[in-house]
Amino acid sequence: MVAPNFDRYRESSRAVFAIFARGATAVEGLSLDEAYVAVPGANLEAAIAYARGVRAAVREEVGLTVSAGVAAQKMVAKIASDNAKPDGLASVAPGDEAAYLAPLPVGRLWGVGPKTQVRLEKRGIATIGDIAGLSDAGAFELFGRGGKEMRDLARGIDARQVESDRETRSVSAEATFEYDLCDGPELRVELHALCADVARRLEAHGLSGATIGIKIRKADFSTLGRQLTVAEPTSDAALIESAALHCLDRAALGDAPVRLLGVRIASIVEEPARQISLF
């Protein structure tokens, strides 16, 4: 067991993100050690050269290794980065996304957790290519209203752009559960952990937020959200959790199983704010 040193982690993270920003048009941080980066030119060779330069600079200046995925879509780049671990670089040329994804296990697709993977495999859906080949009716049967979106992702279609962190609009954390949870002690323990994670990230960057919300994805892939706005921006974990619990109560889940839970805080300000009572 090694005691964590979050001050050191944040110091290294700031150094690495500064390297990411060199020559980039946008950097969207996902965590202390992961980010999407947009580079100018939309040229595969230039993007590969950028990634090689980042990996070399981080190793030389910070003493850490970096795995990188280069692609025209966020999800494909993320999967390529995972495939390049440890300490590698993988790229997917525009137009090759569907072929690259097709043989991969269905669990590599965003939104497919372990329990859903088992359910899909029982239906004969074992690879991402199997989802890409679904009809409209088949996609709806397996994923509900989100079926077409899941099929698009499986085909390498992902229109989301890299959003720069230069002006932080929100901070969020979410978890997909191995087994669906109903509203009760286990789900609320998960909510507590997510609120604590969001609070740590806010404090690490000297930020506060006034709009606190939750995201819930049920076992049938339907998604709902609830949010509220407090009187003053906060980064206090207890206040964030109180607001999130209030939102969870308003969602009135009953016995509905939940596969994903997220916490988000928006209306971000940089100035430290006075902590006040929620209600």
Protein backbone atom coordinates (compact mmCIF):
# COMPACT_ATOMS: atom_id res chain seq x y z
CA MET A 1 0.00 0.00 0.00
CA VAL A 2 1.34 3.42 -1.00
CA ALA A 3 -0.13 6.61 0.44
CA PRO A 4 -1.54 8.90 -2.30
CA ASN A 5 -0.04 12.30 -2.94
CA PHE A 6 -2.68 14.35 -4.73
CA ASP A 7 -0.63 17.55 -4.59
CA ARG A 8 2.05 15.77 -6.59
CA TYR A 9 -0.52 14.34 -9.00
CA ARG A 10 -2.00 17.78 -9.63
CA GLU A 11 1.46 19.28 -10.14
CA SER A 12 2.29 16.63 -12.75
CA SER A 13 -1.14 17.04 -14.34
CA ARG A 14 -0.67 20.78 -14.81
CA ALA A 15 2.72 20.17 -16.43
CA VAL A 16 1.34 17.54 -18.78
CA PHE A 17 -1.69 19.64 -19.77
CA ALA A 18 0.62 22.57 -20.51
CA ILE A 19 2.43 20.32 -22.97
CA PHE A 20 -0.90 19.22 -24.48
CA ALA A 21 -1.75 22.87 -25.14
CA ARG A 22 1.35 23.51 -27.27
CA GLY A 23 0.13 23.69 -30.84
CA ALA A 24 -3.41 22.59 -29.97
CA THR A 25 -6.61 24.44 -30.80
CA ALA A 26 -8.53 22.93 -27.87
CA VAL A 27 -7.82 20.71 -24.86
CA GLU A 28 -10.73 18.98 -23.10
CA GLY A 29 -9.64 17.40 -19.84
CA LEU A 30 -11.39 14.24 -18.67
CA SER A 31 -9.38 13.69 -15.50
CA LEU A 32 -5.98 14.48 -14.04
CA ASP A 33 -4.28 12.22 -16.58
CA GLU A 34 -6.51 12.11 -19.65
CA ALA A 35 -7.69 14.60 -22.25
CA TYR A 36 -9.00 15.03 -25.75
CA VAL A 37 -6.91 17.40 -27.86
CA ALA A 38 -7.85 19.04 -31.16
CA VAL A 39 -5.01 20.01 -33.48
CA PRO A 40 -5.21 22.35 -36.47
CA GLY A 41 -5.33 21.11 -40.03
CA ALA A 42 -7.47 17.98 -39.61
CA ASN A 43 -4.64 15.99 -41.18
CA LEU A 44 -3.84 12.49 -39.92
CA GLU A 45 -0.10 12.77 -40.46
CA ALA A 46 0.08 16.11 -38.67
CA ALA A 47 -1.96 14.75 -35.77
CA ILE A 48 0.34 11.71 -35.47
CA ALA A 49 3.36 14.00 -35.47
CA TYR A 50 1.75 16.12 -32.73
CA ALA A 51 1.07 13.01 -30.63
CA ARG A 52 4.65 11.81 -31.02
CA GLY A 53 5.91 15.22 -29.96
CA VAL A 54 3.68 15.24 -26.89
CA ARG A 55 4.81 11.78 -25.83
CA ALA A 56 8.46 12.74 -26.18
CA ALA A 57 8.04 16.07 -24.37
CA VAL A 58 6.13 14.53 -21.44
CA ARG A 59 8.77 11.83 -21.03
CA GLU A 60 11.63 14.36 -21.16
CA GLU A 61 10.08 17.19 -19.11
CA VAL A 62 7.85 15.35 -16.62
CA GLY A 63 9.28 11.84 -16.57
CA LEU A 64 5.97 10.12 -17.37
CA THR A 65 4.80 7.92 -20.21
CA VAL A 66 1.80 8.73 -22.41
CA SER A 67 -0.37 6.47 -24.53
CA ALA A 68 -2.08 8.24 -27.43
CA GLY A 69 -4.87 7.48 -29.87
CA VAL A 70 -5.25 9.54 -33.05
CA ALA A 71 -8.59 9.60 -34.89
CA ALA A 72 -11.19 11.97 -36.27
CA GLN A 73 -13.78 10.98 -33.64
CA LYS A 74 -13.59 11.16 -29.87
CA MET A 75 -14.67 7.62 -29.07
CA VAL A 76 -12.41 6.06 -31.69
CA ALA A 77 -9.44 8.07 -30.41
CA LYS A 78 -10.20 6.94 -26.85
CA ILE A 79 -10.38 3.28 -27.85
CA ALA A 80 -7.18 3.59 -29.90
CA SER A 81 -5.44 5.14 -26.90
CA ASP A 82 -6.55 2.23 -24.70
CA ASN A 83 -5.29 -0.22 -27.33
CA ALA A 84 -1.92 1.56 -27.36
CA LYS A 85 -1.30 1.00 -23.64
CA PRO A 86 1.19 0.84 -22.15
CA ASP A 87 3.25 3.69 -23.58
CA GLY A 88 2.21 3.43 -27.22
CA LEU A 89 0.56 5.27 -30.07
CA ALA A 90 -2.24 4.02 -32.33
CA SER A 91 -3.99 5.81 -35.18
CA VAL A 92 -7.14 5.24 -37.23
CA ALA A 93 -7.40 6.90 -40.63
CA PRO A 94 -10.62 8.73 -41.56
CA GLY A 95 -12.96 6.27 -43.20
CA ASP A 96 -11.45 3.27 -41.39
CA GLU A 97 -13.37 3.74 -38.13
CA ALA A 98 -16.05 1.10 -38.67
CA ALA A 99 -13.53 -1.53 -39.79
CA TYR A 100 -11.29 -0.75 -36.81
CA LEU A 101 -14.13 -1.06 -34.33
CA ALA A 102 -15.93 -4.05 -35.86
CA PRO A 103 -13.86 -6.93 -34.38
CA LEU A 104 -13.59 -5.42 -30.90
CA PRO A 105 -15.63 -6.87 -28.01
CA VAL A 106 -18.97 -5.14 -27.56
CA GLY A 107 -17.89 -4.05 -24.06
CA ARG A 108 -15.41 -1.58 -25.57
CA LEU A 109 -18.28 0.55 -26.89
CA TRP A 110 -19.25 3.59 -24.84
CA GLY A 111 -22.38 2.91 -22.82
CA VAL A 112 -21.98 -0.88 -22.66
CA GLY A 113 -21.12 -1.99 -19.13
CA PRO A 114 -20.31 -5.54 -17.98
CA LYS A 115 -23.90 -6.52 -17.24
CA THR A 116 -25.16 -5.16 -20.56
CA GLN A 117 -22.33 -6.96 -22.33
CA VAL A 118 -23.48 -10.28 -20.87
CA ARG A 119 -27.08 -9.55 -21.90
CA LEU A 120 -26.00 -8.67 -25.45
CA GLU A 121 -23.79 -11.73 -25.80
CA LYS A 122 -26.74 -13.92 -24.81
CA ARG A 123 -28.55 -12.38 -27.78
CA GLY A 124 -25.65 -13.20 -30.10
CA ILE A 125 -24.18 -9.67 -30.04
CA ALA A 126 -20.49 -10.21 -29.26
CA THR A 127 -18.63 -7.52 -31.22
CA ILE A 128 -19.04 -3.84 -31.99
CA GLY A 129 -19.56 -4.87 -35.61
CA ASP A 130 -22.63 -6.82 -34.56
CA ILE A 131 -24.18 -3.62 -33.20
CA ALA A 132 -23.16 -1.69 -36.31
CA GLY A 133 -25.14 -4.14 -38.42
CA LEU A 134 -28.39 -3.85 -36.47
CA SER A 135 -31.57 -2.69 -38.16
CA ASP A 136 -33.54 0.24 -36.74
CA ALA A 137 -35.93 -2.20 -35.08
CA GLY A 138 -33.10 -4.35 -33.70
CA ALA A 139 -31.28 -1.34 -32.26
CA PHE A 140 -34.48 -0.12 -30.59
CA GLU A 141 -35.21 -3.58 -29.17
CA LEU A 142 -31.77 -3.81 -27.55
CA PHE A 143 -31.19 -0.21 -26.47
CA GLY A 144 -34.54 1.57 -26.54
CA ARG A 145 -34.60 5.20 -27.66
CA GLY A 146 -30.81 5.33 -27.59
CA GLY A 147 -30.51 2.52 -30.13
CA LYS A 148 -29.65 4.58 -33.19
CA GLU A 149 -27.05 6.54 -31.23
CA MET A 150 -25.42 3.30 -30.06
CA ARG A 151 -25.42 1.98 -33.62
CA ASP A 152 -23.86 5.21 -34.91
CA LEU A 153 -21.08 4.92 -32.34
CA ALA A 154 -20.50 1.33 -33.40
CA ARG A 155 -20.14 2.57 -36.98
CA GLY A 156 -17.58 5.17 -35.91
CA ILE A 157 -19.99 8.08 -36.24
CA ASP A 158 -19.39 10.57 -33.41
CA ALA A 159 -19.97 14.25 -34.21
CA ARG A 160 -18.97 15.63 -30.81
CA GLN A 161 -16.23 18.25 -30.93
CA VAL A 162 -13.37 18.78 -28.51
CA GLU A 163 -14.47 21.51 -26.11
CA SER A 164 -11.67 23.63 -24.73
CA ASP A 165 -11.11 23.78 -20.99
CA ARG A 166 -9.93 27.38 -21.19
CA GLU A 167 -13.42 28.38 -20.03
CA THR A 168 -14.76 25.61 -17.83
CA ARG A 169 -18.53 25.37 -18.18
CA SER A 170 -19.12 22.34 -15.99
CA VAL A 171 -17.39 19.64 -13.96
CA SER A 172 -18.88 16.17 -13.87
CA ALA A 173 -18.24 12.59 -12.83
CA GLU A 174 -20.21 9.46 -13.61
CA ALA A 175 -20.07 5.72 -13.05
CA THR A 176 -21.49 2.78 -14.97
CA PHE A 177 -22.27 -0.07 -12.61
CA GLU A 178 -21.30 -3.69 -13.09
CA TYR A 179 -24.74 -4.62 -11.81
CA ASP A 180 -27.82 -2.40 -12.02
CA LEU A 181 -28.70 -0.70 -8.73
CA CYS A 182 -32.07 0.40 -7.43
CA ASP A 183 -32.48 3.51 -5.30
CA GLY A 184 -31.20 2.63 -1.85
CA PRO A 185 -28.03 2.58 0.26
CA GLU A 186 -25.74 1.23 -2.49
CA LEU A 187 -26.81 3.84 -5.03
CA ARG A 188 -26.40 6.60 -2.46
CA VAL A 189 -22.92 5.41 -1.57
CA GLU A 190 -22.05 5.73 -5.26
CA LEU A 191 -23.59 9.21 -5.30
CA HIS A 192 -21.45 10.20 -2.30
CA ALA A 193 -18.27 9.09 -4.10
CA LEU A 194 -19.19 10.99 -7.27
CA CYS A 195 -19.92 14.18 -5.31
CA ALA A 196 -16.58 13.88 -3.51
CA ASP A 197 -14.80 13.45 -6.86
CA VAL A 198 -16.47 16.54 -8.34
CA ALA A 199 -15.63 18.57 -5.22
CA ARG A 200 -11.95 17.52 -5.36
CA ARG A 201 -11.70 18.57 -8.99
CA LEU A 202 -13.35 21.92 -8.32
CA GLU A 203 -11.03 22.64 -5.42
CA ALA A 204 -7.98 21.54 -7.40
CA HIS A 205 -8.69 24.23 -10.01
CA GLY A 206 -9.99 26.91 -7.64
CA LEU A 207 -13.52 26.71 -9.05
CA SER A 208 -17.04 26.77 -7.63
CA GLY A 209 -20.44 26.19 -9.19
CA ALA A 210 -24.05 27.02 -8.42
CA THR A 211 -26.04 24.57 -10.57
CA ILE A 212 -25.89 20.99 -9.31
CA GLY A 213 -27.51 18.13 -11.14
CA ILE A 214 -27.59 14.37 -11.56
CA LYS A 215 -27.81 12.13 -14.61
CA ILE A 216 -29.51 8.74 -14.39
CA ARG A 217 -29.49 6.07 -17.09
CA LYS A 218 -31.86 3.22 -16.39
CA ALA A 219 -31.46 -0.41 -17.41
CA ASP A 220 -33.67 0.22 -20.47
CA PHE A 221 -31.21 2.97 -21.57
CA SER A 222 -33.70 5.77 -20.94
CA THR A 223 -31.95 8.76 -19.40
CA LEU A 224 -33.28 11.44 -17.08
CA GLY A 225 -31.78 14.35 -15.22
CA ARG A 226 -32.63 16.61 -12.32
CA GLN A 227 -30.88 19.79 -11.20
CA LEU A 228 -31.19 22.73 -8.88
CA THR A 229 -29.39 26.04 -8.41
CA VAL A 230 -28.13 27.16 -5.01
CA ALA A 231 -27.88 30.76 -3.85
CA GLU A 232 -24.07 30.94 -3.96
CA PRO A 233 -21.47 28.95 -5.93
CA THR A 234 -19.87 26.14 -3.92
CA SER A 235 -17.13 23.54 -4.08
CA ASP A 236 -18.06 21.97 -0.75
CA ALA A 237 -18.58 18.19 -1.07
CA ALA A 238 -21.27 18.07 1.62
CA LEU A 239 -23.34 20.80 -0.02
CA ILE A 240 -22.95 19.23 -3.45
CA GLU A 241 -24.06 15.89 -2.03
CA SER A 242 -27.07 17.44 -0.28
CA ALA A 243 -28.20 19.00 -3.56
CA ALA A 244 -27.57 15.77 -5.48
CA LEU A 245 -29.56 13.74 -2.95
CA HIS A 246 -32.43 16.20 -3.27
CA CYS A 247 -32.31 15.73 -7.06
CA LEU A 248 -32.24 11.94 -6.62
CA ASP A 249 -35.34 12.10 -4.41
CA ARG A 250 -37.10 14.24 -7.03
CA ALA A 251 -36.32 11.62 -9.69
CA ALA A 252 -38.65 9.21 -7.83
CA LEU A 253 -36.98 6.11 -9.22
CA GLY A 254 -38.92 3.61 -7.14
CA ASP A 255 -37.75 0.12 -8.06
CA ALA A 256 -36.36 1.11 -11.47
CA PRO A 257 -32.86 -0.37 -11.94
CA VAL A 258 -30.08 2.13 -12.65
CA ARG A 259 -27.03 1.31 -14.75
CA LEU A 260 -25.31 4.72 -14.78
CA LEU A 261 -25.24 7.62 -12.34
CA GLY A 262 -23.58 10.97 -12.85
CA VAL A 263 -23.13 14.23 -10.93
CA ARG A 264 -22.56 17.56 -12.66
CA ILE A 265 -21.97 21.08 -11.40
CA ALA A 266 -22.30 24.07 -13.73
CA SER A 267 -22.59 27.87 -13.54
CA ILE A 268 -18.85 27.79 -12.84
CA VAL A 269 -16.95 30.73 -11.36
CA GLU A 270 -13.25 31.02 -10.60
CA GLU A 271 -13.45 33.13 -7.46
CA PRO A 272 -13.67 31.14 -4.24
CA ALA A 273 -17.20 31.52 -2.92
CA ARG A 274 -18.54 31.70 0.61
CA GLN A 275 -20.09 28.36 1.63
CA ILE A 276 -23.69 28.69 2.79
CA SER A 277 -26.53 26.42 3.76
CA LEU A 278 -28.22 24.78 0.80
CA PHE A 279 -31.85 25.58 1.60
